[in-house]
Amino acid sequence: MELKRLFTTETVKGTKHYLDTQKKYEWIRTVIYFAISLSLFAAGILTVGTRNNLLTIVAVLGCLPASKSLVEAVIYSRYGSLKKEAEAIIEANSQGLYCLYDLVFTSREKTYPVPHLTICGNTVAGYMPDPRLSEADCVKHLESCLKIDNFKDVSIKLFQDAGKYADRLKQLQALDQDREYSERLGSTFKSISL
């Protein structure tokens, strides 16, 4: 268990099984925050004999970050990592490519979980298995976010079928890869993701 991960996700965002492991950290942090608030409240009652004291105010104010943490824990609990079957297919075909895992993009209208995203220069391919979500809407949202960061002429294609996505990964392996550009683009995707 990494203590640093309770407070920041910078180094692990976009890695394999990020969402599944981050859920645990979010819930642990939430329990710790509420435990601190409750212990302060109890200490105030035990020392003064009444709840009308300064520690009660501190405990109530401590519920603000605890509540924020609870909201984040609930949000992370709604999403999961890439399924094992799809992961095996994708892993077999993504060797040498710049890949990001477990991204969840939010727009004003919808939330788009994208369990796997591959970046090869200015070409982006992603696996979005939920049939209820529109690939075109997600692409439009991602393109608008990339324009804000001055990324132009980026081609994005999302797939709902793991087999078709694996075929696209094979095609991307044949392309020349600008690793530095891919990493800058990946950094933007990680910054707009949950």
Protein backbone atom coordinates (compact mmCIF):
# COMPACT_ATOMS: atom_id res chain seq x y z
CA MET A 1 0.00 0.00 0.00
CA GLU A 2 1.34 3.39 -0.99
CA LEU A 3 0.54 6.14 1.50
CA LYS A 4 1.12 8.81 -1.15
CA ARG A 5 -1.67 7.36 -3.25
CA LEU A 6 -4.25 8.33 -0.64
CA PHE A 7 -3.69 11.96 -1.63
CA THR A 8 -2.47 11.99 -5.26
CA THR A 9 -2.93 9.82 -8.34
CA GLU A 10 -0.39 11.54 -10.61
CA THR A 11 2.00 8.60 -10.94
CA VAL A 12 -0.60 5.85 -11.33
CA LYS A 13 -3.34 7.40 -13.45
CA GLY A 14 -3.57 5.61 -16.79
CA THR A 15 -1.89 2.43 -15.56
CA LYS A 16 -3.30 -1.07 -15.70
CA HIS A 17 -6.03 -1.78 -13.08
CA TYR A 18 -5.94 1.84 -11.90
CA LEU A 19 -9.69 2.11 -11.24
CA ASP A 20 -9.96 -1.17 -9.33
CA THR A 21 -7.08 -0.29 -7.00
CA GLN A 22 -7.96 3.40 -6.64
CA LYS A 23 -11.41 2.50 -5.30
CA LYS A 24 -9.77 0.94 -2.25
CA TYR A 25 -7.61 3.99 -1.61
CA GLU A 26 -10.59 6.32 -1.91
CA TRP A 27 -12.62 4.33 0.61
CA ILE A 28 -9.68 4.06 3.04
CA ARG A 29 -9.12 7.82 2.89
CA THR A 30 -12.84 8.46 3.45
CA VAL A 31 -12.94 6.22 6.53
CA ILE A 32 -9.82 7.92 7.94
CA TYR A 33 -11.27 11.41 7.44
CA PHE A 34 -14.58 10.52 9.10
CA ALA A 35 -12.75 8.72 11.93
CA ILE A 36 -10.73 11.87 12.63
CA SER A 37 -13.89 13.99 12.76
CA LEU A 38 -15.70 11.52 15.02
CA SER A 39 -12.72 11.19 17.37
CA LEU A 40 -12.49 14.99 17.69
CA PHE A 41 -16.21 15.16 18.45
CA ALA A 42 -15.89 12.39 21.06
CA ALA A 43 -12.81 14.01 22.62
CA GLY A 44 -14.71 17.27 22.98
CA ILE A 45 -17.62 15.58 24.73
CA LEU A 46 -15.33 13.59 27.03
CA THR A 47 -13.23 16.59 28.08
CA VAL A 48 -15.97 19.20 28.50
CA GLY A 49 -18.97 16.98 29.21
CA THR A 50 -21.13 18.63 26.56
CA ARG A 51 -21.14 18.90 22.81
CA ASN A 52 -21.04 22.70 22.99
CA ASN A 53 -17.28 23.17 22.63
CA LEU A 54 -14.59 24.17 20.16
CA LEU A 55 -13.73 20.58 19.18
CA THR A 56 -17.29 20.08 17.95
CA ILE A 57 -16.81 22.97 15.52
CA VAL A 58 -13.50 21.50 14.36
CA ALA A 59 -15.15 18.09 13.95
CA VAL A 60 -17.99 19.56 11.87
CA LEU A 61 -15.50 21.42 9.67
CA GLY A 62 -13.57 18.16 9.31
CA CYS A 63 -16.67 16.62 7.77
CA LEU A 64 -16.22 18.85 4.69
CA PRO A 65 -13.11 17.08 3.33
CA ALA A 66 -14.53 13.77 4.53
CA SER A 67 -17.72 14.34 2.55
CA LYS A 68 -15.75 15.37 -0.53
CA SER A 69 -13.74 12.17 -0.18
CA LEU A 70 -16.96 10.15 0.14
CA VAL A 71 -18.25 11.62 -3.13
CA GLU A 72 -14.99 10.68 -4.86
CA ALA A 73 -15.16 7.15 -3.43
CA VAL A 74 -18.70 6.70 -4.76
CA ILE A 75 -17.67 8.00 -8.18
CA TYR A 76 -14.69 5.63 -8.40
CA SER A 77 -16.92 2.74 -7.27
CA ARG A 78 -19.15 3.19 -10.32
CA TYR A 79 -16.40 2.19 -12.76
CA GLY A 80 -14.16 -0.81 -13.17
CA SER A 81 -10.99 -1.75 -14.96
CA LEU A 82 -10.66 -3.55 -18.27
CA LYS A 83 -12.28 -7.01 -18.27
CA LYS A 84 -9.89 -10.00 -18.33
CA GLU A 85 -11.08 -11.38 -21.70
CA ALA A 86 -10.70 -8.05 -23.47
CA GLU A 87 -7.42 -7.39 -21.66
CA ALA A 88 -5.91 -10.61 -23.02
CA ILE A 89 -6.89 -9.74 -26.60
CA ILE A 90 -5.65 -6.15 -26.32
CA GLU A 91 -2.39 -7.02 -24.55
CA ALA A 92 -1.51 -9.52 -27.29
CA ASN A 93 -1.79 -6.79 -29.94
CA SER A 94 -0.50 -3.64 -28.21
CA GLN A 95 3.19 -4.48 -27.76
CA GLY A 96 5.39 -1.42 -28.25
CA LEU A 97 2.50 1.07 -28.38
CA TYR A 98 1.88 3.91 -25.93
CA CYS A 99 -1.19 2.76 -24.00
CA LEU A 100 -3.34 4.21 -21.23
CA TYR A 101 -5.75 2.21 -19.11
CA ASP A 102 -8.91 2.94 -17.14
CA LEU A 103 -9.76 6.43 -18.32
CA VAL A 104 -13.15 7.94 -17.50
CA PHE A 105 -13.97 11.13 -19.41
CA THR A 106 -16.80 13.37 -18.27
CA SER A 107 -18.66 15.88 -20.39
CA ARG A 108 -21.65 18.01 -19.43
CA GLU A 109 -24.04 15.43 -20.84
CA LYS A 110 -22.43 12.01 -20.29
CA THR A 111 -19.61 10.10 -18.70
CA TYR A 112 -17.50 7.96 -21.03
CA PRO A 113 -15.48 5.11 -19.52
CA VAL A 114 -12.67 4.13 -21.90
CA PRO A 115 -10.80 1.15 -20.39
CA HIS A 116 -8.00 1.22 -22.97
CA LEU A 117 -6.59 4.00 -25.14
CA THR A 118 -3.67 3.74 -27.56
CA ILE A 119 -1.78 6.76 -28.87
CA CYS A 120 0.48 6.55 -31.89
CA GLY A 121 1.63 10.04 -32.87
CA ASN A 122 -1.49 11.97 -33.84
CA THR A 123 -3.59 8.81 -34.17
CA VAL A 124 -5.65 7.70 -31.18
CA ALA A 125 -7.63 4.48 -30.89
CA GLY A 126 -9.71 3.50 -27.90
CA TYR A 127 -11.80 0.64 -26.60
CA MET A 128 -15.18 1.70 -25.21
CA PRO A 129 -17.25 -1.48 -24.68
CA ASP A 130 -20.47 0.07 -23.34
CA PRO A 131 -23.05 -0.18 -26.18
CA ARG A 132 -25.27 2.46 -24.51
CA LEU A 133 -22.71 5.19 -25.15
CA SER A 134 -22.18 6.98 -28.43
CA GLU A 135 -18.66 6.69 -29.82
CA ALA A 136 -19.19 9.83 -31.92
CA ASP A 137 -20.22 11.92 -28.90
CA CYS A 138 -17.19 10.79 -26.94
CA VAL A 139 -14.88 11.55 -29.89
CA LYS A 140 -16.42 15.02 -30.23
CA HIS A 141 -15.88 15.68 -26.53
CA LEU A 142 -12.25 14.49 -26.65
CA GLU A 143 -11.52 16.56 -29.76
CA SER A 144 -12.90 19.68 -28.08
CA CYS A 145 -10.69 19.05 -25.04
CA LEU A 146 -7.64 18.54 -27.25
CA LYS A 147 -8.30 21.80 -29.10
CA ILE A 148 -8.14 23.65 -25.80
CA ASP A 149 -4.61 22.24 -25.30
CA ASN A 150 -3.66 23.21 -28.89
CA PHE A 151 -3.57 19.68 -30.31
CA LYS A 152 -4.72 19.88 -33.91
CA ASP A 153 -5.21 17.21 -36.56
CA VAL A 154 -5.58 14.37 -34.06
CA SER A 155 -7.50 11.42 -35.43
CA ILE A 156 -9.59 9.59 -32.78
CA LYS A 157 -11.47 6.34 -33.36
CA LEU A 158 -13.25 4.38 -30.62
CA PHE A 159 -14.28 0.73 -30.88
CA GLN A 160 -16.92 -1.22 -28.98
CA ASP A 161 -15.69 -4.59 -30.23
CA ALA A 162 -12.39 -5.90 -28.77
CA GLY A 163 -11.60 -7.85 -31.95
CA LYS A 164 -11.91 -4.82 -34.22
CA TYR A 165 -9.90 -2.79 -31.74
CA ALA A 166 -7.16 -5.43 -31.76
CA ASP A 167 -7.08 -5.25 -35.59
CA ARG A 168 -6.61 -1.48 -35.35
CA LEU A 169 -3.78 -1.97 -32.86
CA LYS A 170 -1.99 -4.20 -35.35
CA GLN A 171 -2.29 -1.43 -37.95
CA LEU A 172 -0.92 1.14 -35.48
CA GLN A 173 2.13 -1.02 -34.79
CA ALA A 174 3.13 -0.61 -38.43
CA LEU A 175 3.08 3.21 -38.21
CA ASP A 176 6.00 5.40 -37.19
CA GLN A 177 5.58 6.46 -33.59
CA ASP A 178 6.51 9.88 -32.27
CA ARG A 179 6.87 8.80 -28.63
CA GLU A 180 7.33 12.32 -27.26
CA TYR A 181 4.19 13.62 -28.98
CA SER A 182 2.26 10.53 -27.84
CA GLU A 183 3.30 11.13 -24.24
CA ARG A 184 2.27 14.81 -24.37
CA LEU A 185 -1.09 13.79 -25.84
CA GLY A 186 -1.39 11.08 -23.19
CA SER A 187 -0.69 13.62 -20.48
CA THR A 188 -3.65 15.66 -21.69
CA PHE A 189 -5.91 12.60 -21.71
CA LYS A 190 -4.86 11.74 -18.15
CA SER A 191 -5.49 15.30 -16.97
CA ILE A 192 -9.09 15.30 -18.27
CA SER A 193 -9.83 11.84 -16.95
CA LEU A 194 -11.15 10.77 -13.53
